[in-house]
Amino acid sequence: LPDDVRADDFVLVHDAARPNLAAADLGRLLEV
């Protein structure tokens, strides 16, 4: 990852073969 992504920054990991991710689900995951 780029150097400006800090050690304590959150990072998402997502399967390449999950193409049907809903924006609302992603938003809820990020918020919680």
PDB file of all heavy atoms in Angstrom:
ATOM      1  N   LEU A   1       0.831  -1.206   0.000  1.00  0.00           N
ATOM      2  CA  LEU A   1       0.000   0.000   0.000  1.00  0.00           C
ATOM      3  C   LEU A   1       0.866   1.257   0.000  1.00  0.00           C
ATOM      4  O   LEU A   1       2.007   1.231   0.477  1.00  0.00           O
ATOM      5  CB  LEU A   1      -0.925   0.001   1.215  1.00  0.00           C
ATOM      6  CG  LEU A   1      -2.102  -0.978   1.172  1.00  0.00           C
ATOM      7  CD1 LEU A   1      -2.788  -1.048   2.531  1.00  0.00           C
ATOM      8  CD2 LEU A   1      -3.106  -0.571   0.094  1.00  0.00           C
ATOM      9  N   PRO A   2       0.341   2.353  -0.509  1.00  0.00           N
ATOM     10  CA  PRO A   2       1.132   3.599  -0.528  1.00  0.00           C
ATOM     11  C   PRO A   2       1.599   4.007   0.864  1.00  0.00           C
ATOM     12  O   PRO A   2       0.975   3.674   1.876  1.00  0.00           O
ATOM     13  CB  PRO A   2       0.139   4.623  -1.098  1.00  0.00           C
ATOM     14  CG  PRO A   2      -0.832   3.820  -1.889  1.00  0.00           C
ATOM     15  CD  PRO A   2      -0.971   2.516  -1.162  1.00  0.00           C
ATOM     16  N   ASP A   3       2.701   4.763   0.893  1.00  0.00           N
ATOM     17  CA  ASP A   3       3.310   5.149   2.155  1.00  0.00           C
ATOM     18  C   ASP A   3       2.401   6.034   3.004  1.00  0.00           C
ATOM     19  O   ASP A   3       2.546   6.069   4.230  1.00  0.00           O
ATOM     20  CB  ASP A   3       4.626   5.892   1.897  1.00  0.00           C
ATOM     21  CG  ASP A   3       5.707   4.983   1.328  1.00  0.00           C
ATOM     22  OD1 ASP A   3       5.585   3.748   1.499  1.00  0.00           O
ATOM     23  OD2 ASP A   3       6.650   5.501   0.712  1.00  0.00           O
ATOM     24  N   ASP A   4       1.459   6.735   2.366  1.00  0.00           N
ATOM     25  CA  ASP A   4       0.591   7.611   3.159  1.00  0.00           C
ATOM     26  C   ASP A   4      -0.559   6.849   3.833  1.00  0.00           C
ATOM     27  O   ASP A   4      -1.349   7.457   4.560  1.00  0.00           O
ATOM     28  CB  ASP A   4       0.041   8.765   2.323  1.00  0.00           C
ATOM     29  CG  ASP A   4      -0.761   8.301   1.113  1.00  0.00           C
ATOM     30  OD1 ASP A   4      -0.852   7.077   0.872  1.00  0.00           O
ATOM     31  OD2 ASP A   4      -1.305   9.171   0.404  1.00  0.00           O
ATOM     32  N   VAL A   5      -0.655   5.540   3.606  1.00  0.00           N
ATOM     33  CA  VAL A   5      -1.584   4.706   4.381  1.00  0.00           C
ATOM     34  C   VAL A   5      -0.851   4.308   5.659  1.00  0.00           C
ATOM     35  O   VAL A   5       0.081   3.511   5.636  1.00  0.00           O
ATOM     36  CB  VAL A   5      -2.025   3.453   3.593  1.00  0.00           C
ATOM     37  CG1 VAL A   5      -3.038   2.641   4.422  1.00  0.00           C
ATOM     38  CG2 VAL A   5      -2.630   3.841   2.252  1.00  0.00           C
ATOM     39  N   ARG A   6      -1.270   4.882   6.783  1.00  0.00           N
ATOM     40  CA  ARG A   6      -0.535   4.712   8.030  1.00  0.00           C
ATOM     41  C   ARG A   6      -0.802   3.350   8.657  1.00  0.00           C
ATOM     42  O   ARG A   6      -1.754   2.663   8.312  1.00  0.00           O
ATOM     43  CB  ARG A   6      -0.923   5.827   9.000  1.00  0.00           C
ATOM     44  CG  ARG A   6      -0.577   7.229   8.506  1.00  0.00           C
ATOM     45  CD  ARG A   6      -1.185   8.284   9.379  1.00  0.00           C
ATOM     46  NE  ARG A   6      -2.652   8.166   9.410  1.00  0.00           N
ATOM     47  CZ  ARG A   6      -3.454   8.998  10.078  1.00  0.00           C
ATOM     48  NH1 ARG A   6      -2.946   9.996  10.793  1.00  0.00           N
ATOM     49  NH2 ARG A   6      -4.763   8.819  10.054  1.00  0.00           N
ATOM     50  N   ALA A   7       0.058   2.996   9.617  1.00  0.00           N
ATOM     51  CA  ALA A   7      -0.037   1.688  10.273  1.00  0.00           C
ATOM     52  C   ALA A   7      -1.382   1.494  10.959  1.00  0.00           C
ATOM     53  O   ALA A   7      -1.918   0.385  10.984  1.00  0.00           O
ATOM     54  CB  ALA A   7       1.100   1.516  11.272  1.00  0.00           C
ATOM     55  N   ASP A   8      -1.941   2.572  11.540  1.00  0.00           N
ATOM     56  CA  ASP A   8      -3.202   2.427  12.276  1.00  0.00           C
ATOM     57  C   ASP A   8      -4.421   2.801  11.446  1.00  0.00           C
ATOM     58  O   ASP A   8      -5.534   2.848  11.967  1.00  0.00           O
ATOM     59  CB  ASP A   8      -3.161   3.250  13.574  1.00  0.00           C
ATOM     60  CG  ASP A   8      -3.037   4.749  13.324  1.00  0.00           C
ATOM     61  OD1 ASP A   8      -2.698   5.138  12.185  1.00  0.00           O
ATOM     62  OD2 ASP A   8      -3.279   5.532  14.259  1.00  0.00           O
ATOM     63  N   ASP A   9      -4.235   3.041  10.150  1.00  0.00           N
ATOM     64  CA  ASP A   9      -5.376   3.314   9.275  1.00  0.00           C
ATOM     65  C   ASP A   9      -6.141   2.020   9.000  1.00  0.00           C
ATOM     66  O   ASP A   9      -5.547   0.940   8.862  1.00  0.00           O
ATOM     67  CB  ASP A   9      -4.917   3.891   7.932  1.00  0.00           C
ATOM     68  CG  ASP A   9      -4.549   5.358   8.019  1.00  0.00           C
ATOM     69  OD1 ASP A   9      -4.864   5.995   9.045  1.00  0.00           O
ATOM     70  OD2 ASP A   9      -3.931   5.862   7.058  1.00  0.00           O
ATOM     71  N   PHE A  10      -7.459   2.145   8.904  1.00  0.00           N
ATOM     72  CA  PHE A  10      -8.269   0.996   8.514  1.00  0.00           C
ATOM     73  C   PHE A  10      -8.115   0.727   7.017  1.00  0.00           C
ATOM     74  O   PHE A  10      -7.990   1.648   6.201  1.00  0.00           O
ATOM     75  CB  PHE A  10      -9.739   1.239   8.841  1.00  0.00           C
ATOM     76  CG  PHE A  10     -10.092   0.971  10.271  1.00  0.00           C
ATOM     77  CD1 PHE A  10     -10.282   2.028  11.162  1.00  0.00           C
ATOM     78  CD2 PHE A  10     -10.241  -0.321  10.740  1.00  0.00           C
ATOM     79  CE1 PHE A  10     -10.608   1.778  12.487  1.00  0.00           C
ATOM     80  CE2 PHE A  10     -10.566  -0.582  12.054  1.00  0.00           C
ATOM     81  CZ  PHE A  10     -10.751   0.478  12.940  1.00  0.00           C
ATOM     82  N   VAL A  11      -8.129  -0.558   6.673  1.00  0.00           N
ATOM     83  CA  VAL A  11      -8.033  -1.017   5.284  1.00  0.00           C
ATOM     84  C   VAL A  11      -9.114  -2.061   5.052  1.00  0.00           C
ATOM     85  O   VAL A  11      -9.354  -2.928   5.906  1.00  0.00           O
ATOM     86  CB  VAL A  11      -6.638  -1.617   5.004  1.00  0.00           C
ATOM     87  CG1 VAL A  11      -6.582  -2.236   3.615  1.00  0.00           C
ATOM     88  CG2 VAL A  11      -5.550  -0.560   5.164  1.00  0.00           C
ATOM     89  N   LEU A  12      -9.752  -1.998   3.898  1.00  0.00           N
ATOM     90  CA  LEU A  12     -10.724  -3.020   3.501  1.00  0.00           C
ATOM     91  C   LEU A  12     -10.019  -4.161   2.775  1.00  0.00           C
ATOM     92  O   LEU A  12      -9.066  -3.927   2.033  1.00  0.00           O
ATOM     93  CB  LEU A  12     -11.766  -2.422   2.553  1.00  0.00           C
ATOM     94  CG  LEU A  12     -12.749  -1.399   3.113  1.00  0.00           C
ATOM     95  CD1 LEU A  12     -13.369  -0.599   1.966  1.00  0.00           C
ATOM     96  CD2 LEU A  12     -13.834  -2.083   3.931  1.00  0.00           C
ATOM     97  N   VAL A  13     -10.500  -5.376   2.978  1.00  0.00           N
ATOM     98  CA  VAL A  13     -10.075  -6.520   2.167  1.00  0.00           C
ATOM     99  C   VAL A  13     -11.333  -7.133   1.561  1.00  0.00           C
ATOM    100  O   VAL A  13     -12.282  -7.464   2.288  1.00  0.00           O
ATOM    101  CB  VAL A  13      -9.322  -7.577   2.995  1.00  0.00           C
ATOM    102  CG1 VAL A  13      -8.906  -8.744   2.107  1.00  0.00           C
ATOM    103  CG2 VAL A  13      -8.102  -6.959   3.677  1.00  0.00           C
ATOM    104  N   HIS A  14     -11.342  -7.256   0.240  1.00  0.00           N
ATOM    105  CA  HIS A  14     -12.547  -7.727  -0.441  1.00  0.00           C
ATOM    106  C   HIS A  14     -12.186  -8.762  -1.491  1.00  0.00           C
ATOM    107  O   HIS A  14     -11.208  -8.609  -2.240  1.00  0.00           O
ATOM    108  CB  HIS A  14     -13.268  -6.546  -1.107  1.00  0.00           C
ATOM    109  CG  HIS A  14     -14.605  -6.890  -1.692  1.00  0.00           C
ATOM    110  ND1 HIS A  14     -15.582  -7.565  -0.988  1.00  0.00           N
ATOM    111  CD2 HIS A  14     -15.122  -6.665  -2.924  1.00  0.00           C
ATOM    112  CE1 HIS A  14     -16.653  -7.722  -1.758  1.00  0.00           C
ATOM    113  NE2 HIS A  14     -16.394  -7.191  -2.934  1.00  0.00           N
ATOM    114  N   ASP A  15     -12.975  -9.836  -1.572  1.00  0.00           N
ATOM    115  CA  ASP A  15     -12.757 -10.892  -2.551  1.00  0.00           C
ATOM    116  C   ASP A  15     -12.919 -10.359  -3.979  1.00  0.00           C
ATOM    117  O   ASP A  15     -13.887  -9.654  -4.276  1.00  0.00           O
ATOM    118  CB  ASP A  15     -13.769 -12.027  -2.358  1.00  0.00           C
ATOM    119  CG  ASP A  15     -13.562 -12.785  -1.060  1.00  0.00           C
ATOM    120  OD1 ASP A  15     -12.410 -12.877  -0.594  1.00  0.00           O
ATOM    121  OD2 ASP A  15     -14.568 -13.298  -0.510  1.00  0.00           O
ATOM    122  N   ALA A  16     -12.008 -10.745  -4.856  1.00  0.00           N
ATOM    123  CA  ALA A  16     -12.112 -10.356  -6.262  1.00  0.00           C
ATOM    124  C   ALA A  16     -13.377 -10.897  -6.908  1.00  0.00           C
ATOM    125  O   ALA A  16     -13.902 -10.309  -7.859  1.00  0.00           O
ATOM    126  CB  ALA A  16     -10.886 -10.847  -7.026  1.00  0.00           C
ATOM    127  N   ALA A  17     -13.880 -12.024  -6.395  1.00  0.00           N
ATOM    128  CA  ALA A  17     -15.037 -12.689  -7.006  1.00  0.00           C
ATOM    129  C   ALA A  17     -16.333 -12.423  -6.244  1.00  0.00           C
ATOM    130  O   ALA A  17     -17.253 -13.244  -6.279  1.00  0.00           O
ATOM    131  CB  ALA A  17     -14.782 -14.187  -7.107  1.00  0.00           C
ATOM    132  N   ARG A  18     -16.389 -11.288  -5.549  1.00  0.00           N
ATOM    133  CA  ARG A  18     -17.671 -10.826  -4.971  1.00  0.00           C
ATOM    134  C   ARG A  18     -18.053  -9.515  -5.649  1.00  0.00           C
ATOM    135  O   ARG A  18     -17.830  -8.429  -5.118  1.00  0.00           O
ATOM    136  CB  ARG A  18     -17.551 -10.631  -3.457  1.00  0.00           C
ATOM    137  CG  ARG A  18     -17.503 -11.916  -2.659  1.00  0.00           C
ATOM    138  CD  ARG A  18     -17.639 -11.657  -1.161  1.00  0.00           C
ATOM    139  NE  ARG A  18     -17.307 -12.829  -0.385  1.00  0.00           N
ATOM    140  CZ  ARG A  18     -18.174 -13.778  -0.021  1.00  0.00           C
ATOM    141  NH1 ARG A  18     -19.446 -13.659  -0.375  1.00  0.00           N
ATOM    142  NH2 ARG A  18     -17.786 -14.813   0.680  1.00  0.00           N
ATOM    143  N   PRO A  19     -18.664  -9.602  -6.833  1.00  0.00           N
ATOM    144  CA  PRO A  19     -18.927  -8.397  -7.623  1.00  0.00           C
ATOM    145  C   PRO A  19     -20.217  -7.668  -7.270  1.00  0.00           C
ATOM    146  O   PRO A  19     -20.473  -6.589  -7.808  1.00  0.00           O
ATOM    147  CB  PRO A  19     -19.020  -8.958  -9.043  1.00  0.00           C
ATOM    148  CG  PRO A  19     -19.631 -10.319  -8.843  1.00  0.00           C
ATOM    149  CD  PRO A  19     -19.042 -10.836  -7.555  1.00  0.00           C
ATOM    150  N   ASN A  20     -21.033  -8.245  -6.383  1.00  0.00           N
ATOM    151  CA  ASN A  20     -22.375  -7.703  -6.154  1.00  0.00           C
ATOM    152  C   ASN A  20     -22.495  -7.039  -4.787  1.00  0.00           C
ATOM    153  O   ASN A  20     -23.529  -7.127  -4.128  1.00  0.00           O
ATOM    154  CB  ASN A  20     -23.422  -8.817  -6.301  1.00  0.00           C
ATOM    155  CG  ASN A  20     -24.796  -8.261  -6.635  1.00  0.00           C
ATOM    156  OD1 ASN A  20     -24.915  -7.282  -7.377  1.00  0.00           O
ATOM    157  ND2 ASN A  20     -25.838  -8.873  -6.089  1.00  0.00           N
ATOM    158  N   LEU A  21     -21.438  -6.371  -4.362  1.00  0.00           N
ATOM    159  CA  LEU A  21     -21.436  -5.657  -3.087  1.00  0.00           C
ATOM    160  C   LEU A  21     -22.320  -4.419  -3.175  1.00  0.00           C
ATOM    161  O   LEU A  21     -22.154  -3.593  -4.080  1.00  0.00           O
ATOM    162  CB  LEU A  21     -20.000  -5.255  -2.730  1.00  0.00           C
ATOM    163  CG  LEU A  21     -19.812  -4.333  -1.543  1.00  0.00           C
ATOM    164  CD1 LEU A  21     -20.229  -5.005  -0.243  1.00  0.00           C
ATOM    165  CD2 LEU A  21     -18.349  -3.869  -1.466  1.00  0.00           C
ATOM    166  N   ALA A  22     -23.237  -4.289  -2.226  1.00  0.00           N
ATOM    167  CA  ALA A  22     -24.143  -3.135  -2.197  1.00  0.00           C
ATOM    168  C   ALA A  22     -23.475  -1.957  -1.501  1.00  0.00           C
ATOM    169  O   ALA A  22     -22.814  -2.111  -0.476  1.00  0.00           O
ATOM    170  CB  ALA A  22     -25.432  -3.506  -1.469  1.00  0.00           C
ATOM    171  N   ALA A  23     -23.679  -0.773  -2.052  1.00  0.00           N
ATOM    172  CA  ALA A  23     -23.093   0.434  -1.468  1.00  0.00           C
ATOM    173  C   ALA A  23     -23.572   0.649  -0.036  1.00  0.00           C
ATOM    174  O   ALA A  23     -22.803   1.091   0.824  1.00  0.00           O
ATOM    175  CB  ALA A  23     -23.435   1.644  -2.336  1.00  0.00           C
ATOM    176  N   ALA A  24     -24.831   0.320   0.230  1.00  0.00           N
ATOM    177  CA  ALA A  24     -25.369   0.512   1.585  1.00  0.00           C
ATOM    178  C   ALA A  24     -24.673  -0.405   2.584  1.00  0.00           C
ATOM    179  O   ALA A  24     -24.388  -0.002   3.724  1.00  0.00           O
ATOM    180  CB  ALA A  24     -26.875   0.256   1.591  1.00  0.00           C
ATOM    181  N   ASP A  25     -24.389  -1.647   2.171  1.00  0.00           N
ATOM    182  CA  ASP A  25     -23.682  -2.577   3.058  1.00  0.00           C
ATOM    183  C   ASP A  25     -22.264  -2.084   3.332  1.00  0.00           C
ATOM    184  O   ASP A  25     -21.784  -2.134   4.467  1.00  0.00           O
ATOM    185  CB  ASP A  25     -23.617  -3.969   2.426  1.00  0.00           C
ATOM    186  CG  ASP A  25     -24.944  -4.718   2.514  1.00  0.00           C
ATOM    187  OD1 ASP A  25     -25.896  -4.163   3.096  1.00  0.00           O
ATOM    188  OD2 ASP A  25     -25.021  -5.843   2.009  1.00  0.00           O
ATOM    189  N   LEU A  26     -21.581  -1.622   2.285  1.00  0.00           N
ATOM    190  CA  LEU A  26     -20.228  -1.105   2.464  1.00  0.00           C
ATOM    191  C   LEU A  26     -20.232   0.106   3.377  1.00  0.00           C
ATOM    192  O   LEU A  26     -19.384   0.238   4.273  1.00  0.00           O
ATOM    193  CB  LEU A  26     -19.624  -0.755   1.103  1.00  0.00           C
ATOM    194  CG  LEU A  26     -18.221  -0.154   1.102  1.00  0.00           C
ATOM    195  CD1 LEU A  26     -17.239  -1.011   1.879  1.00  0.00           C
ATOM    196  CD2 LEU A  26     -17.743   0.065  -0.329  1.00  0.00           C
ATOM    197  N   GLY A  27     -21.192   0.983   3.193  1.00  0.00           N
ATOM    198  CA  GLY A  27     -21.280   2.161   4.052  1.00  0.00           C
ATOM    199  C   GLY A  27     -21.523   1.810   5.500  1.00  0.00           C
ATOM    200  O   GLY A  27     -20.932   2.409   6.414  1.00  0.00           O
ATOM    201  N   ARG A  28     -22.388   0.823   5.739  1.00  0.00           N
ATOM    202  CA  ARG A  28     -22.673   0.402   7.115  1.00  0.00           C
ATOM    203  C   ARG A  28     -21.441  -0.244   7.752  1.00  0.00           C
ATOM    204  O   ARG A  28     -21.141  -0.006   8.928  1.00  0.00           O
ATOM    205  CB  ARG A  28     -23.852  -0.569   7.108  1.00  0.00           C
ATOM    206  CG  ARG A  28     -24.411  -0.905   8.488  1.00  0.00           C
ATOM    207  CD  ARG A  28     -25.818  -1.473   8.391  1.00  0.00           C
ATOM    208  NE  ARG A  28     -25.922  -2.563   7.443  1.00  0.00           N
ATOM    209  CZ  ARG A  28     -26.556  -2.484   6.265  1.00  0.00           C
ATOM    210  NH1 ARG A  28     -27.112  -1.338   5.886  1.00  0.00           N
ATOM    211  NH2 ARG A  28     -26.628  -3.534   5.461  1.00  0.00           N
ATOM    212  N   LEU A  29     -20.713  -1.046   6.980  1.00  0.00           N
ATOM    213  CA  LEU A  29     -19.490  -1.658   7.498  1.00  0.00           C
ATOM    214  C   LEU A  29     -18.483  -0.588   7.895  1.00  0.00           C
ATOM    215  O   LEU A  29     -17.854  -0.669   8.962  1.00  0.00           O
ATOM    216  CB  LEU A  29     -18.887  -2.580   6.444  1.00  0.00           C
ATOM    217  CG  LEU A  29     -17.520  -3.182   6.788  1.00  0.00           C
ATOM    218  CD1 LEU A  29     -17.642  -4.198   7.920  1.00  0.00           C
ATOM    219  CD2 LEU A  29     -16.878  -3.821   5.561  1.00  0.00           C
ATOM    220  N   LEU A  30     -18.303   0.409   7.058  1.00  0.00           N
ATOM    221  CA  LEU A  30     -17.350   1.477   7.351  1.00  0.00           C
ATOM    222  C   LEU A  30     -17.763   2.264   8.590  1.00  0.00           C
ATOM    223  O   LEU A  30     -16.930   2.590   9.436  1.00  0.00           O
ATOM    224  CB  LEU A  30     -17.232   2.414   6.144  1.00  0.00           C
ATOM    225  CG  LEU A  30     -16.536   1.815   4.918  1.00  0.00           C
ATOM    226  CD1 LEU A  30     -16.770   2.691   3.693  1.00  0.00           C
ATOM    227  CD2 LEU A  30     -15.047   1.656   5.178  1.00  0.00           C
ATOM    228  N   GLU A  31     -19.046   2.545   8.704  1.00  0.00           N
ATOM    229  CA  GLU A  31     -19.525   3.325   9.852  1.00  0.00           C
ATOM    230  C   GLU A  31     -19.349   2.557  11.154  1.00  0.00           C
ATOM    231  O   GLU A  31     -18.846   3.096  12.156  1.00  0.00           O
ATOM    232  CB  GLU A  31     -20.995   3.687   9.651  1.00  0.00           C
ATOM    233  CG  GLU A  31     -21.578   4.517  10.776  1.00  0.00           C
ATOM    234  CD  GLU A  31     -23.026   4.891  10.536  1.00  0.00           C
ATOM    235  OE1 GLU A  31     -23.588   4.520   9.479  1.00  0.00           O
ATOM    236  OE2 GLU A  31     -23.610   5.571  11.405  1.00  0.00           O
ATOM    237  N   VAL A  32     -19.741   1.289  11.167  1.00  0.00           N
ATOM    238  CA  VAL A  32     -19.670   0.492  12.385  1.00  0.00           C
ATOM    239  C   VAL A  32     -18.229   0.090  12.696  1.00  0.00           C
ATOM    240  O   VAL A  32     -17.756   0.204  13.825  1.00  0.00           O
ATOM    241  CB  VAL A  32     -20.564  -0.757  12.266  1.00  0.00           C
ATOM    242  CG1 VAL A  32     -20.366  -1.682  13.456  1.00  0.00           C
ATOM    243  CG2 VAL A  32     -22.029  -0.358  12.143  1.00  0.00           C
TER     244      VAL A  32
END
